[in-house]
């Protein structure tokens, strides 16, 4: 993933409501969530939700599809994984990270 795309994605997520929306969409899976439901769950006016969803879509983090009268939004997992891969490239000095190994920590140090 190119640095400019990562910066755009991180910039879009650097806002409380957009981060909350993205987290809900990641949890929802491929089924997605209608824009109106997202607005209700977060207590955000529909016009504000539309703005936030547009920002996330412009950053490539969400996709949308029409179902009848609703627009359903879903997380773009490929973009999310691309950002995560970029951020963790060469993590732990090239040693594979897994649940048993925490990056940057040694057995005698439990925090960075």
Protein backbone atom coordinates (compact mmCIF):
# COMPACT_ATOMS: atom_id res chain seq x y z
CA UNK A 1 0.00 0.00 0.00
CA UNK A 2 1.27 3.46 -0.88
CA UNK A 3 2.04 5.89 1.95
CA UNK A 4 -0.40 8.52 0.60
CA UNK A 5 -3.27 6.01 0.78
CA UNK A 6 -2.32 5.07 4.34
CA UNK A 7 -2.21 8.73 5.32
CA UNK A 8 -5.65 9.31 3.77
CA UNK A 9 -7.09 6.29 5.62
CA UNK A 10 -5.58 7.28 8.95
CA UNK A 11 -6.76 10.85 8.46
CA UNK A 12 -10.30 9.65 7.87
CA UNK A 13 -10.18 7.56 11.04
CA UNK A 14 -8.78 10.44 13.11
CA UNK A 15 -12.24 11.64 14.06
CA UNK A 16 -14.42 10.20 16.84
CA UNK A 17 -17.58 9.46 14.83
CA UNK A 18 -15.77 8.08 11.79
CA UNK A 19 -13.69 5.79 13.95
CA UNK A 20 -16.84 4.56 15.71
CA UNK A 21 -18.60 4.01 12.36
CA UNK A 22 -15.67 2.07 10.97
CA UNK A 23 -15.49 -0.13 14.07
CA UNK A 24 -19.22 -0.90 13.81
CA UNK A 25 -18.83 -1.77 10.14
CA UNK A 26 -15.87 -4.05 10.84
CA UNK A 27 -17.96 -5.84 13.48
CA UNK A 28 -20.95 -6.14 11.12
CA UNK A 29 -19.02 -8.10 8.52
CA UNK A 30 -19.86 -8.29 4.82
CA UNK A 31 -23.57 -7.85 5.56
CA UNK A 32 -22.94 -4.20 6.40
CA UNK A 33 -25.25 -1.70 8.07
CA UNK A 34 -27.66 0.83 6.58
CA UNK A 35 -26.64 4.48 6.95
CA UNK A 36 -29.76 5.28 8.99
CA UNK A 37 -29.03 2.52 11.48
CA UNK A 38 -25.45 3.77 11.88
CA UNK A 39 -26.77 7.26 12.58
CA UNK A 40 -29.21 5.92 15.18
CA UNK A 41 -26.64 3.76 16.93
CA UNK A 42 -24.19 6.62 17.27
CA UNK A 43 -26.74 9.35 17.93
CA UNK A 44 -25.50 11.35 14.96
CA UNK A 45 -27.85 13.34 12.68
CA UNK A 46 -28.32 11.67 9.27
CA UNK A 47 -26.72 14.61 7.43
CA UNK A 48 -23.62 14.37 9.62
CA UNK A 49 -23.52 10.60 9.16
CA UNK A 50 -23.63 11.08 5.40
CA UNK A 51 -20.63 13.41 5.63
CA UNK A 52 -18.65 10.94 7.75
CA UNK A 53 -19.49 8.01 5.47
CA UNK A 54 -18.38 10.05 2.45
CA UNK A 55 -15.05 10.75 4.14
CA UNK A 56 -14.55 7.05 4.88
CA UNK A 57 -15.54 6.10 1.33
CA UNK A 58 -13.15 8.70 -0.16
CA UNK A 59 -10.38 7.15 1.93
CA UNK A 60 -11.28 3.73 0.51
CA UNK A 61 -12.24 2.29 3.90
CA UNK A 62 -15.91 1.59 3.21
CA UNK A 63 -17.99 0.38 0.30
CA UNK A 64 -21.65 1.00 -0.33
CA UNK A 65 -24.44 -0.78 -2.12
CA UNK A 66 -28.08 0.01 -2.64
CA UNK A 67 -30.74 -2.36 -1.35
CA UNK A 68 -34.22 -1.10 -2.15
CA UNK A 69 -34.40 2.37 -0.57
CA UNK A 70 -31.41 1.92 1.74
CA UNK A 71 -27.71 2.38 1.19
CA UNK A 72 -25.79 -0.33 3.00
CA UNK A 73 -22.23 0.40 4.05
CA UNK A 74 -19.56 -2.23 4.67
CA UNK A 75 -15.96 -2.10 5.77
CA UNK A 76 -13.43 -2.53 2.98
CA UNK A 77 -11.39 -5.29 4.60
CA UNK A 78 -8.76 -5.28 1.84
CA UNK A 79 -8.04 -1.60 2.52
CA UNK A 80 -8.06 -2.15 6.28
CA UNK A 81 -5.65 -5.07 5.95
CA UNK A 82 -3.46 -3.01 3.64
CA UNK A 83 -3.18 -0.25 6.25
CA UNK A 84 -2.47 -2.78 8.99
CA UNK A 85 0.17 -4.49 6.85
CA UNK A 86 1.83 -1.17 6.09
CA UNK A 87 1.91 -0.22 9.77
CA UNK A 88 3.27 -3.58 10.90
CA UNK A 89 5.71 -4.21 8.05
CA UNK A 90 8.95 -5.48 9.55
CA UNK A 91 7.32 -5.59 12.96
CA UNK A 92 9.36 -7.10 15.77
CA UNK A 93 12.60 -6.81 13.83
CA UNK A 94 11.45 -9.29 11.22
CA UNK A 95 10.45 -11.95 13.73
CA UNK A 96 6.92 -13.24 13.01
CA UNK A 97 4.40 -11.83 15.46
CA UNK A 98 1.78 -14.07 16.96
CA UNK A 99 -0.40 -14.11 20.08
CA UNK A 100 2.50 -15.36 22.18
CA UNK A 101 4.90 -12.62 21.05
CA UNK A 102 4.12 -8.97 21.74
CA UNK A 103 6.05 -6.56 19.55
CA UNK A 104 8.62 -4.53 21.41
CA UNK A 105 8.36 -6.49 24.64
CA UNK A 106 10.87 -8.81 26.19
CA UNK A 107 9.99 -11.40 28.85
CA UNK A 108 11.35 -9.15 31.60
CA UNK A 109 9.47 -6.05 30.30
CA UNK A 110 5.68 -6.11 30.12
CA UNK A 111 5.23 -2.64 28.61
CA UNK A 112 7.04 -0.49 26.07
